[in-house]
C-alpha atoms as a PDB file:
ATOM      1  CA  UNK A   1       8.733  27.483 -30.166  1.00  0.00           C
ATOM      2  CA  UNK A   2       5.317  26.108 -29.358  1.00  0.00           C
ATOM      3  CA  UNK A   3       5.127  22.844 -27.458  1.00  0.00           C
ATOM      4  CA  UNK A   4       3.905  19.899 -29.422  1.00  0.00           C
ATOM      5  CA  UNK A   5       0.807  18.203 -27.925  1.00  0.00           C
ATOM      6  CA  UNK A   6       1.614  15.185 -25.731  1.00  0.00           C
ATOM      7  CA  UNK A   7       1.184  11.871 -27.287  1.00  0.00           C
ATOM      8  CA  UNK A   8      -0.730   8.918 -25.832  1.00  0.00           C
ATOM      9  CA  UNK A   9       2.625   7.285 -25.331  1.00  0.00           C
ATOM     10  CA  UNK A  10       3.694  10.106 -22.951  1.00  0.00           C
ATOM     11  CA  UNK A  11       0.525   9.704 -20.888  1.00  0.00           C
ATOM     12  CA  UNK A  12       0.951   5.919 -20.901  1.00  0.00           C
ATOM     13  CA  UNK A  13       4.453   6.328 -19.530  1.00  0.00           C
ATOM     14  CA  UNK A  14       3.289   8.490 -16.619  1.00  0.00           C
ATOM     15  CA  UNK A  15       0.486   5.980 -15.970  1.00  0.00           C
ATOM     16  CA  UNK A  16       2.886   3.093 -15.901  1.00  0.00           C
ATOM     17  CA  UNK A  17       5.346   4.887 -13.449  1.00  0.00           C
ATOM     18  CA  UNK A  18       2.425   5.811 -11.216  1.00  0.00           C
ATOM     19  CA  UNK A  19       1.205   2.215 -11.216  1.00  0.00           C
ATOM     20  CA  UNK A  20       4.710   0.970 -10.317  1.00  0.00           C
ATOM     21  CA  UNK A  21       4.932   3.394  -7.286  1.00  0.00           C
ATOM     22  CA  UNK A  22       1.480   2.312  -6.195  1.00  0.00           C
ATOM     23  CA  UNK A  23       2.270  -1.395  -6.481  1.00  0.00           C
ATOM     24  CA  UNK A  24       5.506  -1.027  -4.622  1.00  0.00           C
ATOM     25  CA  UNK A  25       3.711   0.812  -1.727  1.00  0.00           C
ATOM     26  CA  UNK A  26       1.005  -1.855  -1.811  1.00  0.00           C
ATOM     27  CA  UNK A  27       3.650  -4.653  -1.517  1.00  0.00           C
ATOM     28  CA  UNK A  28       5.409  -2.927   1.346  1.00  0.00           C
ATOM     29  CA  UNK A  29       2.128  -2.326   3.251  1.00  0.00           C
ATOM     30  CA  UNK A  30       0.980  -5.893   2.741  1.00  0.00           C
ATOM     31  CA  UNK A  31       4.258  -7.299   3.844  1.00  0.00           C
ATOM     32  CA  UNK A  32       4.489  -5.204   7.012  1.00  0.00           C
ATOM     33  CA  UNK A  33       0.835  -5.939   8.034  1.00  0.00           C
ATOM     34  CA  UNK A  34       1.006  -9.685   7.189  1.00  0.00           C
ATOM     35  CA  UNK A  35       4.397 -10.045   9.016  1.00  0.00           C
ATOM     36  CA  UNK A  36       2.988  -8.314  12.069  1.00  0.00           C
ATOM     37  CA  UNK A  37      -0.086 -10.558  12.133  1.00  0.00           C
ATOM     38  CA  UNK A  38       1.987 -13.716  11.768  1.00  0.00           C
ATOM     39  CA  UNK A  39       4.321 -12.543  14.491  1.00  0.00           C
ATOM     40  CA  UNK A  40       1.420 -11.924  16.911  1.00  0.00           C
ATOM     41  CA  UNK A  41      -0.110 -15.342  16.064  1.00  0.00           C
ATOM     42  CA  UNK A  42       3.221 -17.076  16.824  1.00  0.00           C
ATOM     43  CA  UNK A  43       3.675 -15.102  20.041  1.00  0.00           C
ATOM     44  CA  UNK A  44       0.137 -15.974  21.338  1.00  0.00           C
ATOM     45  CA  UNK A  45       0.760 -19.611  20.610  1.00  0.00           C
ATOM     46  CA  UNK A  46       4.051 -19.586  22.319  1.00  0.00           C
ATOM     47  CA  UNK A  47       3.494 -17.369  25.441  1.00  0.00           C
ATOM     48  CA  UNK A  48      -0.213 -16.500  25.726  1.00  0.00           C
ATOM     49  CA  UNK A  49      -1.516 -16.152  29.262  1.00  0.00           C
ATOM     50  CA  UNK A  50      -5.259 -16.116  30.113  1.00  0.00           C
ATOM     51  CA  UNK A  51      -6.774 -14.248  33.147  1.00  0.00           C
ATOM     52  CA  UNK A  52     -10.150 -12.726  33.967  1.00  0.00           C
ATOM     53  CA  UNK A  53     -10.760  -9.041  33.522  1.00  0.00           C
ATOM     54  CA  UNK A  54     -13.594  -6.605  34.085  1.00  0.00           C
ATOM     55  CA  UNK A  55     -15.466  -4.582  31.427  1.00  0.00           C
ATOM     56  CA  UNK A  56     -15.120  -1.076  32.668  1.00  0.00           C
ATOM     57  CA  UNK A  57     -16.831   0.787  29.750  1.00  0.00           C
ATOM     58  CA  UNK A  58     -18.573   0.006  26.440  1.00  0.00           C
ATOM     59  CA  UNK A  59     -18.623   2.465  23.540  1.00  0.00           C
ATOM     60  CA  UNK A  60     -19.082   2.555  19.730  1.00  0.00           C
ATOM     61  CA  UNK A  61     -17.155   4.984  17.538  1.00  0.00           C
ATOM     62  CA  UNK A  62     -19.806   5.552  14.934  1.00  0.00           C
ATOM     63  CA  UNK A  63     -17.789   3.600  12.311  1.00  0.00           C
ATOM     64  CA  UNK A  64     -19.589   0.344  13.163  1.00  0.00           C
ATOM     65  CA  UNK A  65     -16.777  -0.578  15.547  1.00  0.00           C
ATOM     66  CA  UNK A  66     -17.578  -1.559  19.068  1.00  0.00           C
ATOM     67  CA  UNK A  67     -15.100  -1.079  21.843  1.00  0.00           C
ATOM     68  CA  UNK A  68     -14.780  -2.566  25.351  1.00  0.00           C
ATOM     69  CA  UNK A  69     -12.529  -0.945  27.905  1.00  0.00           C
ATOM     70  CA  UNK A  70     -11.259  -3.620  30.265  1.00  0.00           C
ATOM     71  CA  UNK A  71      -9.084  -3.758  33.355  1.00  0.00           C
ATOM     72  CA  UNK A  72      -7.080  -6.931  34.213  1.00  0.00           C
ATOM     73  CA  UNK A  73      -4.223  -8.010  36.334  1.00  0.00           C
ATOM     74  CA  UNK A  74      -1.482 -10.049  34.809  1.00  0.00           C
ATOM     75  CA  UNK A  75      -0.210 -13.284  36.500  1.00  0.00           C
ATOM     76  CA  UNK A  76       2.912 -11.288  37.266  1.00  0.00           C
ATOM     77  CA  UNK A  77       0.782  -8.901  39.349  1.00  0.00           C
ATOM     78  CA  UNK A  78       0.682  -5.810  37.080  1.00  0.00           C
ATOM     79  CA  UNK A  79      -2.601  -3.970  36.439  1.00  0.00           C
ATOM     80  CA  UNK A  80      -3.612  -2.871  33.022  1.00  0.00           C
ATOM     81  CA  UNK A  81      -6.451  -0.781  31.618  1.00  0.00           C
ATOM     82  CA  UNK A  82      -6.897  -1.389  27.900  1.00  0.00           C
ATOM     83  CA  UNK A  83      -9.411  -0.881  25.090  1.00  0.00           C
ATOM     84  CA  UNK A  84     -10.129  -3.325  22.212  1.00  0.00           C
ATOM     85  CA  UNK A  85     -12.374  -3.436  19.287  1.00  0.00           C
ATOM     86  CA  UNK A  86     -14.672  -6.464  19.386  1.00  0.00           C
ATOM     87  CA  UNK A  87     -17.246  -8.117  17.202  1.00  0.00           C
ATOM     88  CA  UNK A  88     -20.936  -7.131  17.736  1.00  0.00           C
ATOM     89  CA  UNK A  89     -21.696 -10.504  19.360  1.00  0.00           C
ATOM     90  CA  UNK A  90     -19.032  -9.976  21.997  1.00  0.00           C
ATOM     91  CA  UNK A  91     -20.003  -6.361  22.525  1.00  0.00           C
ATOM     92  CA  UNK A  92     -23.660  -7.257  23.082  1.00  0.00           C
ATOM     93  CA  UNK A  93     -22.776 -10.266  25.373  1.00  0.00           C
ATOM     94  CA  UNK A  94     -20.874  -8.225  27.970  1.00  0.00           C
ATOM     95  CA  UNK A  95     -22.043  -5.233  29.971  1.00  0.00           C
ATOM     96  CA  UNK A  96     -20.142  -2.823  32.201  1.00  0.00           C
ATOM     97  CA  UNK A  97     -18.974  -4.664  35.309  1.00  0.00           C
ATOM     98  CA  UNK A  98     -19.064  -8.141  33.704  1.00  0.00           C
ATOM     99  CA  UNK A  99     -16.171 -10.492  34.013  1.00  0.00           C
ATOM    100  CA  UNK A 100     -14.422 -11.221  30.633  1.00  0.00           C
ATOM    101  CA  UNK A 101     -11.667 -13.536  29.642  1.00  0.00           C
ATOM    102  CA  UNK A 102      -8.394 -11.715  28.636  1.00  0.00           C
ATOM    103  CA  UNK A 103      -5.562 -13.494  26.890  1.00  0.00           C
ATOM    104  CA  UNK A 104      -2.381 -11.473  26.761  1.00  0.00           C
ATOM    105  CA  UNK A 105       1.332 -11.956  25.976  1.00  0.00           C
ATOM    106  CA  UNK A 106       3.542 -12.544  29.003  1.00  0.00           C
ATOM    107  CA  UNK A 107       6.331 -10.424  27.492  1.00  0.00           C
ATOM    108  CA  UNK A 108       3.982  -7.764  26.090  1.00  0.00           C
ATOM    109  CA  UNK A 109       0.619  -7.389  27.912  1.00  0.00           C
ATOM    110  CA  UNK A 110      -0.401  -4.586  25.519  1.00  0.00           C
ATOM    111  CA  UNK A 111      -1.003  -7.334  23.011  1.00  0.00           C
ATOM    112  CA  UNK A 112      -4.160  -9.074  24.098  1.00  0.00           C
ATOM    113  CA  UNK A 113      -7.557 -10.250  22.878  1.00  0.00           C
ATOM    114  CA  UNK A 114     -10.931 -10.529  24.626  1.00  0.00           C
ATOM    115  CA  UNK A 115     -13.269 -13.476  25.146  1.00  0.00           C
ATOM    116  CA  UNK A 116     -12.949 -15.964  22.317  1.00  0.00           C
ATOM    117  CA  UNK A 117     -11.870 -13.500  19.588  1.00  0.00           C
ATOM    118  CA  UNK A 118      -8.593 -15.316  19.008  1.00  0.00           C
ATOM    119  CA  UNK A 119      -6.634 -13.765  16.163  1.00  0.00           C
ATOM    120  CA  UNK A 120      -6.573 -16.222  13.185  1.00  0.00           C
ATOM    121  CA  UNK A 121      -4.639 -16.762  10.058  1.00  0.00           C
ATOM    122  CA  UNK A 122      -7.657 -15.371   8.036  1.00  0.00           C
ATOM    123  CA  UNK A 123      -6.871 -11.921   9.421  1.00  0.00           C
ATOM    124  CA  UNK A 124      -3.304 -12.086   8.026  1.00  0.00           C
ATOM    125  CA  UNK A 125      -4.276 -13.809   4.759  1.00  0.00           C
ATOM    126  CA  UNK A 126      -5.786 -10.642   3.423  1.00  0.00           C
ATOM    127  CA  UNK A 127      -2.576  -8.768   3.966  1.00  0.00           C
ATOM    128  CA  UNK A 128      -0.582 -11.653   2.539  1.00  0.00           C
ATOM    129  CA  UNK A 129      -2.734 -11.457  -0.649  1.00  0.00           C
ATOM    130  CA  UNK A 130      -2.095  -7.718  -0.811  1.00  0.00           C
ATOM    131  CA  UNK A 131       1.689  -8.299  -0.474  1.00  0.00           C
ATOM    132  CA  UNK A 132       1.552 -10.953  -3.177  1.00  0.00           C
ATOM    133  CA  UNK A 133      -0.451  -8.845  -5.567  1.00  0.00           C
ATOM    134  CA  UNK A 134       1.704  -5.804  -5.083  1.00  0.00           C
ATOM    135  CA  UNK A 135       4.872  -7.812  -5.602  1.00  0.00           C
ATOM    136  CA  UNK A 136       3.642  -9.465  -8.842  1.00  0.00           C
ATOM    137  CA  UNK A 137       2.365  -6.113 -10.143  1.00  0.00           C
ATOM    138  CA  UNK A 138       5.745  -4.491  -9.392  1.00  0.00           C
ATOM    139  CA  UNK A 139       7.682  -7.171 -11.156  1.00  0.00           C
ATOM    140  CA  UNK A 140       5.406  -7.050 -14.284  1.00  0.00           C
ATOM    141  CA  UNK A 141       5.703  -3.251 -14.373  1.00  0.00           C
ATOM    142  CA  UNK A 142       9.495  -3.417 -13.946  1.00  0.00           C
ATOM    143  CA  UNK A 143       9.618  -5.669 -16.956  1.00  0.00           C
ATOM    144  CA  UNK A 144       7.265  -3.491 -19.006  1.00  0.00           C
ATOM    145  CA  UNK A 145       9.022  -0.180 -18.295  1.00  0.00           C
ATOM    146  CA  UNK A 146      12.250  -1.046 -20.211  1.00  0.00           C
ATOM    147  CA  UNK A 147      10.121  -2.446 -23.013  1.00  0.00           C
ATOM    148  CA  UNK A 148       8.268   0.872 -23.133  1.00  0.00           C
ATOM    149  CA  UNK A 149      11.479   2.955 -23.015  1.00  0.00           C
ATOM    150  CA  UNK A 150      13.306   0.956 -25.617  1.00  0.00           C
ATOM    151  CA  UNK A 151      10.407  -0.054 -27.932  1.00  0.00           C
ATOM    152  CA  UNK A 152      11.460   2.204 -30.848  1.00  0.00           C
ATOM    153  CA  UNK A 153      15.207   1.980 -30.183  1.00  0.00           C
ATOM    154  CA  UNK A 154      15.940  -0.544 -32.961  1.00  0.00           C
ATOM    155  CA  UNK A 155      14.119   1.379 -35.685  1.00  0.00           C
ATOM    156  CA  UNK A 156      16.334   3.720 -37.704  1.00  0.00           C
ATOM    157  CA  UNK A 157      15.582   7.364 -36.915  1.00  0.00           C
ATOM    158  CA  UNK A 158      13.109   6.537 -34.255  1.00  0.00           C
ATOM    159  CA  UNK A 159      14.709   8.666 -31.529  1.00  0.00           C
ATOM    160  CA  UNK A 160      15.806  11.610 -33.726  1.00  0.00           C
ATOM    161  CA  UNK A 161      13.413  14.360 -34.580  1.00  0.00           C
ATOM    162  CA  UNK A 162      12.387  14.576 -38.233  1.00  0.00           C
ATOM    163  CA  UNK A 163      13.320  17.793 -39.940  1.00  0.00           C
ATOM    164  CA  UNK A 164      11.758  18.822 -43.084  1.00  0.00           C
ATOM    165  CA  UNK A 165      14.256  18.894 -45.952  1.00  0.00           C
ATOM    166  CA  UNK A 166      12.714  22.155 -47.150  1.00  0.00           C
ATOM    167  CA  UNK A 167      13.593  24.043 -43.965  1.00  0.00           C
ATOM    168  CA  UNK A 168      17.357  23.497 -44.432  1.00  0.00           C
ATOM    169  CA  UNK A 169      17.950  23.595 -48.241  1.00  0.00           C
ATOM    170  CA  UNK A 170      16.074  25.501 -50.913  1.00  0.00           C
ATOM    171  CA  UNK A 171      14.661  23.458 -53.731  1.00  0.00           C
ATOM    172  CA  UNK A 172      16.588  23.333 -56.922  1.00  0.00           C
ATOM    173  CA  UNK A 173      16.105  26.339 -59.116  1.00  0.00           C
ATOM    174  CA  UNK A 174      14.780  28.650 -56.375  1.00  0.00           C
ATOM    175  CA  UNK A 175      16.651  31.756 -55.248  1.00  0.00           C
ATOM    176  CA  UNK A 176      18.038  31.685 -51.731  1.00  0.00           C
ATOM    177  CA  UNK A 177      15.906  34.639 -50.540  1.00  0.00           C
ATOM    178  CA  UNK A 178      18.424  37.408 -51.233  1.00  0.00           C
ATOM    179  CA  UNK A 179      21.434  35.789 -49.792  1.00  0.00           C
ATOM    180  CA  UNK A 180      24.638  37.552 -50.916  1.00  0.00           C
ATOM    181  CA  UNK A 181      22.861  40.505 -52.685  1.00  0.00           C
ATOM    182  CA  UNK A 182      23.353  44.088 -51.798  1.00  0.00           C
ATOM    183  CA  UNK A 183      20.407  46.353 -51.829  1.00  0.00           C
ATOM    184  CA  UNK A 184      21.329  49.767 -52.845  1.00  0.00           C
END
């Protein structure tokens, strides 16, 4: 039996399900990134420590990101060698061997920022907006999917295939195509 061509409704269903999956992933990603940013901001406000470090190396990765490798000693006496992406102004202001201000977390010195590049709420605002958009889109799509599935449910015969009357019963007055006859 040949397959009937797909209707626009079938393609629309696949599109809506795909959009739902994408919006859920967007909401999850936005939530994780914005939560992480807010957590870091709160931690810097509560337990940030500032020391001087030394720029050990400068390099750019070709993706318009500038990196400074720095070494610093925490107030607790541990030495760290870390790398951080910085703004072009900061990158250009410091050379190898220059002293630079390093602000780190007492409980986690791997979280730090250089010079005056304090993390701000603006950096988390983008991810918060992504989370909000993904959540709203997911809710709207979750409302639309049942509407899509049950749109024709109330109409009589909407979910049953239509069979031609001619295919099951012969018209009045027509022979039944040799049914019951013996050929001899």
